[in-house]
Amino acid sequence: TSNTMSSIYVLRPYQGDFNIEIQKNYWLIKAKQIYKATSAKQFEKVFPHQEEAIKNYVASNQVNFNVENDLVKLTLFCNAH
């Protein structure tokens, strides 16, 4: 890197004190609206008439909202009922 104001050149690479973490975000689309899909409550907002069924499904199937396959199964369950 060079500093054009003082003509100082820096050849040493700097190490930052940071970590990079990749996080996936999952979304639901219903009637041209986009909703986050990271909790049971958010699924209940998208499928309000199925609140109790969603709660029961999440509890009995131990749905992990960070696992894509679990969210696919929950979405298919919601669409079927």
PDB file of N, CA and C in Angstrom:
ATOM      1  N   THR A   1       0.844  -1.172   0.000  1.00  0.00           N
ATOM      2  CA  THR A   1       0.000   0.000   0.000  1.00  0.00           C
ATOM      3  C   THR A   1       0.893   1.241   0.000  1.00  0.00           C
ATOM      4  N   SER A   2       0.411   2.275  -0.549  1.00  0.00           N
ATOM      5  CA  SER A   2       1.185   3.513  -0.514  1.00  0.00           C
ATOM      6  C   SER A   2       0.295   4.646  -0.028  1.00  0.00           C
ATOM      7  N   ASN A   3       0.927   5.585   0.611  1.00  0.00           N
ATOM      8  CA  ASN A   3       0.230   6.762   1.086  1.00  0.00           C
ATOM      9  C   ASN A   3       0.690   7.926   0.219  1.00  0.00           C
ATOM     10  N   THR A   4      -0.172   8.433  -0.616  1.00  0.00           N
ATOM     11  CA  THR A   4       0.222   9.496  -1.550  1.00  0.00           C
ATOM     12  C   THR A   4       0.447  10.838  -0.855  1.00  0.00           C
ATOM     13  N   MET A   5      -0.047  10.991   0.359  1.00  0.00           N
ATOM     14  CA  MET A   5       0.128  12.253   1.080  1.00  0.00           C
ATOM     15  C   MET A   5       1.548  12.394   1.628  1.00  0.00           C
ATOM     16  N   SER A   6       2.123  11.287   2.151  1.00  0.00           N
ATOM     17  CA  SER A   6       3.444  11.384   2.777  1.00  0.00           C
ATOM     18  C   SER A   6       4.498  10.550   2.063  1.00  0.00           C
ATOM     19  N   SER A   7       4.118   9.893   0.985  1.00  0.00           N
ATOM     20  CA  SER A   7       5.031   9.049   0.210  1.00  0.00           C
ATOM     21  C   SER A   7       5.613   7.896   1.022  1.00  0.00           C
ATOM     22  N   ILE A   8       4.881   7.409   2.001  1.00  0.00           N
ATOM     23  CA  ILE A   8       5.326   6.269   2.809  1.00  0.00           C
ATOM     24  C   ILE A   8       4.770   5.001   2.185  1.00  0.00           C
ATOM     25  N   TYR A   9       5.630   4.024   2.041  1.00  0.00           N
ATOM     26  CA  TYR A   9       5.204   2.748   1.491  1.00  0.00           C
ATOM     27  C   TYR A   9       5.161   1.711   2.601  1.00  0.00           C
ATOM     28  N   VAL A  10       4.118   0.935   2.604  1.00  0.00           N
ATOM     29  CA  VAL A  10       3.966  -0.114   3.603  1.00  0.00           C
ATOM     30  C   VAL A  10       4.019  -1.442   2.873  1.00  0.00           C
ATOM     31  N   LEU A  11       4.995  -2.257   3.208  1.00  0.00           N
ATOM     32  CA  LEU A  11       5.144  -3.543   2.548  1.00  0.00           C
ATOM     33  C   LEU A  11       4.737  -4.698   3.457  1.00  0.00           C
ATOM     34  N   ARG A  12       4.530  -4.429   4.703  1.00  0.00           N
ATOM     35  CA  ARG A  12       4.200  -5.463   5.671  1.00  0.00           C
ATOM     36  C   ARG A  12       2.690  -5.733   5.655  1.00  0.00           C
ATOM     37  N   PRO A  13       2.287  -7.016   5.513  1.00  0.00           N
ATOM     38  CA  PRO A  13       0.843  -7.311   5.573  1.00  0.00           C
ATOM     39  C   PRO A  13       0.335  -7.201   7.012  1.00  0.00           C
ATOM     40  N   TYR A  14      -0.816  -6.609   7.165  1.00  0.00           N
ATOM     41  CA  TYR A  14      -1.417  -6.457   8.491  1.00  0.00           C
ATOM     42  C   TYR A  14      -2.385  -7.596   8.756  1.00  0.00           C
ATOM     43  N   GLN A  15      -2.333  -8.093   9.978  1.00  0.00           N
ATOM     44  CA  GLN A  15      -3.286  -9.117  10.386  1.00  0.00           C
ATOM     45  C   GLN A  15      -4.329  -8.461  11.269  1.00  0.00           C
ATOM     46  N   GLY A  16      -5.562  -8.637  10.899  1.00  0.00           N
ATOM     47  CA  GLY A  16      -6.639  -8.088  11.696  1.00  0.00           C
ATOM     48  C   GLY A  16      -7.059  -9.065  12.774  1.00  0.00           C
ATOM     49  N   ASP A  17      -7.700  -8.553  13.792  1.00  0.00           N
ATOM     50  CA  ASP A  17      -8.225  -9.386  14.869  1.00  0.00           C
ATOM     51  C   ASP A  17      -9.712  -9.617  14.598  1.00  0.00           C
ATOM     52  N   PHE A  18     -10.005 -10.482  13.620  1.00  0.00           N
ATOM     53  CA  PHE A  18     -11.385 -10.733  13.244  1.00  0.00           C
ATOM     54  C   PHE A  18     -11.537 -12.162  12.753  1.00  0.00           C
ATOM     55  N   ASN A  19     -12.748 -12.637  12.762  1.00  0.00           N
ATOM     56  CA  ASN A  19     -13.111 -13.952  12.238  1.00  0.00           C
ATOM     57  C   ASN A  19     -14.204 -13.768  11.206  1.00  0.00           C
ATOM     58  N   ILE A  20     -14.177 -14.605  10.187  1.00  0.00           N
ATOM     59  CA  ILE A  20     -15.230 -14.580   9.180  1.00  0.00           C
ATOM     60  C   ILE A  20     -16.079 -15.825   9.372  1.00  0.00           C
ATOM     61  N   GLU A  21     -17.376 -15.627   9.447  1.00  0.00           N
ATOM     62  CA  GLU A  21     -18.310 -16.729   9.641  1.00  0.00           C
ATOM     63  C   GLU A  21     -19.395 -16.638   8.581  1.00  0.00           C
ATOM     64  N   ILE A  22     -19.624 -17.738   7.896  1.00  0.00           N
ATOM     65  CA  ILE A  22     -20.665 -17.769   6.876  1.00  0.00           C
ATOM     66  C   ILE A  22     -21.951 -18.265   7.519  1.00  0.00           C
ATOM     67  N   GLN A  23     -23.015 -17.506   7.346  1.00  0.00           N
ATOM     68  CA  GLN A  23     -24.312 -17.882   7.884  1.00  0.00           C
ATOM     69  C   GLN A  23     -25.318 -17.946   6.747  1.00  0.00           C
ATOM     70  N   LYS A  24     -26.043 -19.050   6.711  1.00  0.00           N
ATOM     71  CA  LYS A  24     -27.114 -19.166   5.722  1.00  0.00           C
ATOM     72  C   LYS A  24     -28.384 -18.562   6.298  1.00  0.00           C
ATOM     73  N   ASN A  25     -29.130 -17.897   5.432  1.00  0.00           N
ATOM     74  CA  ASN A  25     -30.438 -17.375   5.810  1.00  0.00           C
ATOM     75  C   ASN A  25     -31.477 -18.058   4.935  1.00  0.00           C
ATOM     76  N   TYR A  26     -32.562 -18.454   5.551  1.00  0.00           N
ATOM     77  CA  TYR A  26     -33.635 -19.123   4.834  1.00  0.00           C
ATOM     78  C   TYR A  26     -34.858 -18.223   4.824  1.00  0.00           C
ATOM     79  N   TRP A  27     -35.566 -18.256   3.688  1.00  0.00           N
ATOM     80  CA  TRP A  27     -36.706 -17.372   3.489  1.00  0.00           C
ATOM     81  C   TRP A  27     -37.871 -18.162   2.912  1.00  0.00           C
ATOM     82  N   LEU A  28     -39.073 -17.699   3.203  1.00  0.00           N
ATOM     83  CA  LEU A  28     -40.302 -18.245   2.628  1.00  0.00           C
ATOM     84  C   LEU A  28     -40.940 -17.170   1.762  1.00  0.00           C
ATOM     85  N   ILE A  29     -41.508 -17.595   0.654  1.00  0.00           N
ATOM     86  CA  ILE A  29     -42.233 -16.655  -0.210  1.00  0.00           C
ATOM     87  C   ILE A  29     -43.685 -17.109  -0.273  1.00  0.00           C
ATOM     88  N   LYS A  30     -44.568 -16.191   0.047  1.00  0.00           N
ATOM     89  CA  LYS A  30     -46.007 -16.475  -0.017  1.00  0.00           C
ATOM     90  C   LYS A  30     -46.708 -15.220  -0.520  1.00  0.00           C
ATOM     91  N   ALA A  31     -47.451 -15.376  -1.606  1.00  0.00           N
ATOM     92  CA  ALA A  31     -48.207 -14.269  -2.201  1.00  0.00           C
ATOM     93  C   ALA A  31     -47.316 -13.050  -2.449  1.00  0.00           C
ATOM     94  N   LYS A  32     -46.148 -13.297  -3.048  1.00  0.00           N
ATOM     95  CA  LYS A  32     -45.183 -12.260  -3.415  1.00  0.00           C
ATOM     96  C   LYS A  32     -44.593 -11.519  -2.218  1.00  0.00           C
ATOM     97  N   GLN A  33     -44.782 -12.065  -1.020  1.00  0.00           N
ATOM     98  CA  GLN A  33     -44.170 -11.516   0.194  1.00  0.00           C
ATOM     99  C   GLN A  33     -43.043 -12.443   0.613  1.00  0.00           C
ATOM    100  N   ILE A  34     -41.976 -11.888   1.156  1.00  0.00           N
ATOM    101  CA  ILE A  34     -40.837 -12.675   1.608  1.00  0.00           C
ATOM    102  C   ILE A  34     -40.780 -12.619   3.130  1.00  0.00           C
ATOM    103  N   TYR A  35     -40.634 -13.795   3.746  1.00  0.00           N
ATOM    104  CA  TYR A  35     -40.582 -13.906   5.199  1.00  0.00           C
ATOM    105  C   TYR A  35     -39.340 -14.691   5.610  1.00  0.00           C
ATOM    106  N   LYS A  36     -38.726 -14.281   6.705  1.00  0.00           N
ATOM    107  CA  LYS A  36     -37.620 -15.059   7.259  1.00  0.00           C
ATOM    108  C   LYS A  36     -38.154 -16.386   7.767  1.00  0.00           C
ATOM    109  N   ALA A  37     -37.317 -17.405   7.712  1.00  0.00           N
ATOM    110  CA  ALA A  37     -37.725 -18.740   8.175  1.00  0.00           C
ATOM    111  C   ALA A  37     -36.701 -19.252   9.179  1.00  0.00           C
ATOM    112  N   THR A  38     -36.596 -18.576  10.313  1.00  0.00           N
ATOM    113  CA  THR A  38     -35.584 -18.960  11.292  1.00  0.00           C
ATOM    114  C   THR A  38     -36.157 -19.380  12.643  1.00  0.00           C
ATOM    115  N   SER A  39     -37.476 -19.432  12.747  1.00  0.00           N
ATOM    116  CA  SER A  39     -38.085 -19.867  14.005  1.00  0.00           C
ATOM    117  C   SER A  39     -39.520 -20.342  13.745  1.00  0.00           C
ATOM    118  N   ALA A  40     -40.063 -21.044  14.731  1.00  0.00           N
ATOM    119  CA  ALA A  40     -41.446 -21.518  14.622  1.00  0.00           C
ATOM    120  C   ALA A  40     -42.407 -20.333  14.534  1.00  0.00           C
ATOM    121  N   LYS A  41     -42.127 -19.273  15.285  1.00  0.00           N
ATOM    122  CA  LYS A  41     -43.000 -18.097  15.269  1.00  0.00           C
ATOM    123  C   LYS A  41     -43.064 -17.468  13.870  1.00  0.00           C
ATOM    124  N   GLN A  42     -41.958 -17.486  13.173  1.00  0.00           N
ATOM    125  CA  GLN A  42     -41.964 -16.918  11.826  1.00  0.00           C
ATOM    126  C   GLN A  42     -42.758 -17.795  10.861  1.00  0.00           C
ATOM    127  N   PHE A  43     -42.695 -19.111  11.032  1.00  0.00           N
ATOM    128  CA  PHE A  43     -43.531 -20.001  10.226  1.00  0.00           C
ATOM    129  C   PHE A  43     -45.001 -19.770  10.550  1.00  0.00           C
ATOM    130  N   GLU A  44     -45.313 -19.532  11.825  1.00  0.00           N
ATOM    131  CA  GLU A  44     -46.697 -19.290  12.230  1.00  0.00           C
ATOM    132  C   GLU A  44     -47.242 -17.999  11.615  1.00  0.00           C
ATOM    133  N   LYS A  45     -46.380 -17.014  11.383  1.00  0.00           N
ATOM    134  CA  LYS A  45     -46.824 -15.780  10.733  1.00  0.00           C
ATOM    135  C   LYS A  45     -47.204 -16.035   9.277  1.00  0.00           C
ATOM    136  N   VAL A  46     -46.460 -16.938   8.627  1.00  0.00           N
ATOM    137  CA  VAL A  46     -46.729 -17.246   7.225  1.00  0.00           C
ATOM    138  C   VAL A  46     -47.952 -18.147   7.099  1.00  0.00           C
ATOM    139  N   PHE A  47     -48.127 -19.062   8.063  1.00  0.00           N
ATOM    140  CA  PHE A  47     -49.249 -19.998   8.061  1.00  0.00           C
ATOM    141  C   PHE A  47     -50.050 -19.814   9.356  1.00  0.00           C
ATOM    142  N   PRO A  48     -50.765 -18.694   9.508  1.00  0.00           N
ATOM    143  CA  PRO A  48     -51.423 -18.380  10.784  1.00  0.00           C
ATOM    144  C   PRO A  48     -52.521 -19.361  11.188  1.00  0.00           C
ATOM    145  N   HIS A  49     -53.166 -19.986  10.247  1.00  0.00           N
ATOM    146  CA  HIS A  49     -54.233 -20.932  10.565  1.00  0.00           C
ATOM    147  C   HIS A  49     -53.687 -22.286  11.029  1.00  0.00           C
ATOM    148  N   GLN A  50     -52.354 -22.445  11.042  1.00  0.00           N
ATOM    149  CA  GLN A  50     -51.739 -23.716  11.419  1.00  0.00           C
ATOM    150  C   GLN A  50     -50.822 -23.599  12.634  1.00  0.00           C
ATOM    151  N   GLU A  51     -51.021 -22.589  13.462  1.00  0.00           N
ATOM    152  CA  GLU A  51     -50.121 -22.336  14.582  1.00  0.00           C
ATOM    153  C   GLU A  51     -49.917 -23.569  15.461  1.00  0.00           C
ATOM    154  N   GLU A  52     -51.006 -24.173  15.877  1.00  0.00           N
ATOM    155  CA  GLU A  52     -50.914 -25.334  16.785  1.00  0.00           C
ATOM    156  C   GLU A  52     -50.250 -26.522  16.103  1.00  0.00           C
ATOM    157  N   ALA A  53     -50.579 -26.764  14.847  1.00  0.00           N
ATOM    158  CA  ALA A  53     -49.976 -27.875  14.108  1.00  0.00           C
ATOM    159  C   ALA A  53     -48.474 -27.663  13.936  1.00  0.00           C
ATOM    160  N   ILE A  54     -48.053 -26.424  13.694  1.00  0.00           N
ATOM    161  CA  ILE A  54     -46.628 -26.120  13.542  1.00  0.00           C
ATOM    162  C   ILE A  54     -45.904 -26.345  14.860  1.00  0.00           C
ATOM    163  N   LYS A  55     -46.478 -25.866  15.955  1.00  0.00           N
ATOM    164  CA  LYS A  55     -45.862 -26.076  17.277  1.00  0.00           C
ATOM    165  C   LYS A  55     -45.686 -27.559  17.558  1.00  0.00           C
ATOM    166  N   ASN A  56     -46.726 -28.346  17.277  1.00  0.00           N
ATOM    167  CA  ASN A  56     -46.661 -29.796  17.525  1.00  0.00           C
ATOM    168  C   ASN A  56     -45.622 -30.461  16.630  1.00  0.00           C
ATOM    169  N   TYR A  57     -45.569 -30.070  15.369  1.00  0.00           N
ATOM    170  CA  TYR A  57     -44.609 -30.661  14.424  1.00  0.00           C
ATOM    171  C   TYR A  57     -43.176 -30.348  14.854  1.00  0.00           C
ATOM    172  N   VAL A  58     -42.923 -29.099  15.212  1.00  0.00           N
ATOM    173  CA  VAL A  58     -41.575 -28.686  15.623  1.00  0.00           C
ATOM    174  C   VAL A  58     -41.144 -29.447  16.870  1.00  0.00           C
ATOM    175  N   ALA A  59     -42.055 -29.601  17.831  1.00  0.00           N
ATOM    176  CA  ALA A  59     -41.726 -30.304  19.068  1.00  0.00           C
ATOM    177  C   ALA A  59     -41.509 -31.798  18.839  1.00  0.00           C
ATOM    178  N   SER A  60     -42.384 -32.422  18.075  1.00  0.00           N
ATOM    179  CA  SER A  60     -42.289 -33.877  17.896  1.00  0.00           C
ATOM    180  C   SER A  60     -41.168 -34.287  16.950  1.00  0.00           C
ATOM    181  N   ASN A  61     -40.782 -33.422  16.036  1.00  0.00           N
ATOM    182  CA  ASN A  61     -39.723 -33.755  15.075  1.00  0.00           C
ATOM    183  C   ASN A  61     -38.391 -33.074  15.383  1.00  0.00           C
ATOM    184  N   GLN A  62     -38.326 -32.367  16.493  1.00  0.00           N
ATOM    185  CA  GLN A  62     -37.106 -31.684  16.924  1.00  0.00           C
ATOM    186  C   GLN A  62     -36.464 -30.910  15.762  1.00  0.00           C
ATOM    187  N   VAL A  63     -37.235 -30.012  15.191  1.00  0.00           N
ATOM    188  CA  VAL A  63     -36.788 -29.233  14.037  1.00  0.00           C
ATOM    189  C   VAL A  63     -35.650 -28.302  14.441  1.00  0.00           C
ATOM    190  N   ASN A  64     -34.566 -28.365  13.692  1.00  0.00           N
ATOM    191  CA  ASN A  64     -33.433 -27.455  13.877  1.00  0.00           C
ATOM    192  C   ASN A  64     -33.523 -26.432  12.749  1.00  0.00           C
ATOM    193  N   PHE A  65     -33.731 -25.176  13.093  1.00  0.00           N
ATOM    194  CA  PHE A  65     -33.938 -24.125  12.087  1.00  0.00           C
ATOM    195  C   PHE A  65     -32.650 -23.710  11.387  1.00  0.00           C
ATOM    196  N   ASN A  66     -31.555 -24.373  11.698  1.00  0.00           N
ATOM    197  CA  ASN A  66     -30.291 -24.138  10.994  1.00  0.00           C
ATOM    198  C   ASN A  66     -29.983 -25.251  10.004  1.00  0.00           C
ATOM    199  N   VAL A  67     -30.860 -26.258   9.940  1.00  0.00           N
ATOM    200  CA  VAL A  67     -30.655 -27.397   9.039  1.00  0.00           C
ATOM    201  C   VAL A  67     -31.651 -27.292   7.889  1.00  0.00           C
ATOM    202  N   GLU A  68     -31.124 -27.177   6.689  1.00  0.00           N
ATOM    203  CA  GLU A  68     -31.959 -26.961   5.505  1.00  0.00           C
ATOM    204  C   GLU A  68     -32.998 -28.064   5.320  1.00  0.00           C
ATOM    205  N   ASN A  69     -32.611 -29.306   5.500  1.00  0.00           N
ATOM    206  CA  ASN A  69     -33.535 -30.426   5.305  1.00  0.00           C
ATOM    207  C   ASN A  69     -34.713 -30.360   6.284  1.00  0.00           C
ATOM    208  N   ASP A  70     -34.464 -29.959   7.525  1.00  0.00           N
ATOM    209  CA  ASP A  70     -35.548 -29.810   8.500  1.00  0.00           C
ATOM    210  C   ASP A  70     -36.542 -28.733   8.055  1.00  0.00           C
ATOM    211  N   LEU A  71     -36.024 -27.635   7.511  1.00  0.00           N
ATOM    212  CA  LEU A  71     -36.904 -26.557   7.063  1.00  0.00           C
ATOM    213  C   LEU A  71     -37.712 -26.956   5.837  1.00  0.00           C
ATOM    214  N   VAL A  72     -37.100 -27.738   4.963  1.00  0.00           N
ATOM    215  CA  VAL A  72     -37.829 -28.230   3.783  1.00  0.00           C
ATOM    216  C   VAL A  72     -38.990 -29.112   4.233  1.00  0.00           C
ATOM    217  N   LYS A  73     -38.727 -30.014   5.168  1.00  0.00           N
ATOM    218  CA  LYS A  73     -39.786 -30.911   5.666  1.00  0.00           C
ATOM    219  C   LYS A  73     -40.899 -30.127   6.358  1.00  0.00           C
ATOM    220  N   LEU A  74     -40.521 -29.123   7.149  1.00  0.00           N
ATOM    221  CA  LEU A  74     -41.536 -28.305   7.821  1.00  0.00           C
ATOM    222  C   LEU A  74     -42.373 -27.528   6.798  1.00  0.00           C
ATOM    223  N   THR A  75     -41.741 -27.004   5.779  1.00  0.00           N
ATOM    224  CA  THR A  75     -42.470 -26.282   4.720  1.00  0.00           C
ATOM    225  C   THR A  75     -43.423 -27.194   3.984  1.00  0.00           C
ATOM    226  N   LEU A  76     -42.970 -28.392   3.669  1.00  0.00           N
ATOM    227  CA  LEU A  76     -43.856 -29.364   3.003  1.00  0.00           C
ATOM    228  C   LEU A  76     -45.034 -29.739   3.900  1.00  0.00           C
ATOM    229  N   PHE A  77     -44.777 -29.883   5.193  1.00  0.00           N
ATOM    230  CA  PHE A  77     -45.837 -30.169   6.152  1.00  0.00           C
ATOM    231  C   PHE A  77     -46.869 -29.035   6.164  1.00  0.00           C
ATOM    232  N   CYS A  78     -46.393 -27.794   6.198  1.00  0.00           N
ATOM    233  CA  CYS A  78     -47.294 -26.642   6.218  1.00  0.00           C
ATOM    234  C   CYS A  78     -48.106 -26.532   4.938  1.00  0.00           C
ATOM    235  N   ASN A  79     -47.495 -26.826   3.806  1.00  0.00           N
ATOM    236  CA  ASN A  79     -48.210 -26.754   2.538  1.00  0.00           C
ATOM    237  C   ASN A  79     -49.245 -27.862   2.402  1.00  0.00           C
ATOM    238  N   ALA A  80     -49.019 -28.990   3.054  1.00  0.00           N
ATOM    239  CA  ALA A  80     -49.947 -30.124   2.953  1.00  0.00           C
ATOM    240  C   ALA A  80     -51.180 -29.957   3.828  1.00  0.00           C
ATOM    241  N   HIS A  81     -51.091 -29.132   4.863  1.00  0.00           N
ATOM    242  CA  HIS A  81     -52.223 -28.989   5.790  1.00  0.00           C
ATOM    243  C   HIS A  81     -52.980 -27.724   5.556  1.00  0.00           C
TER     244      HIS A  81
END
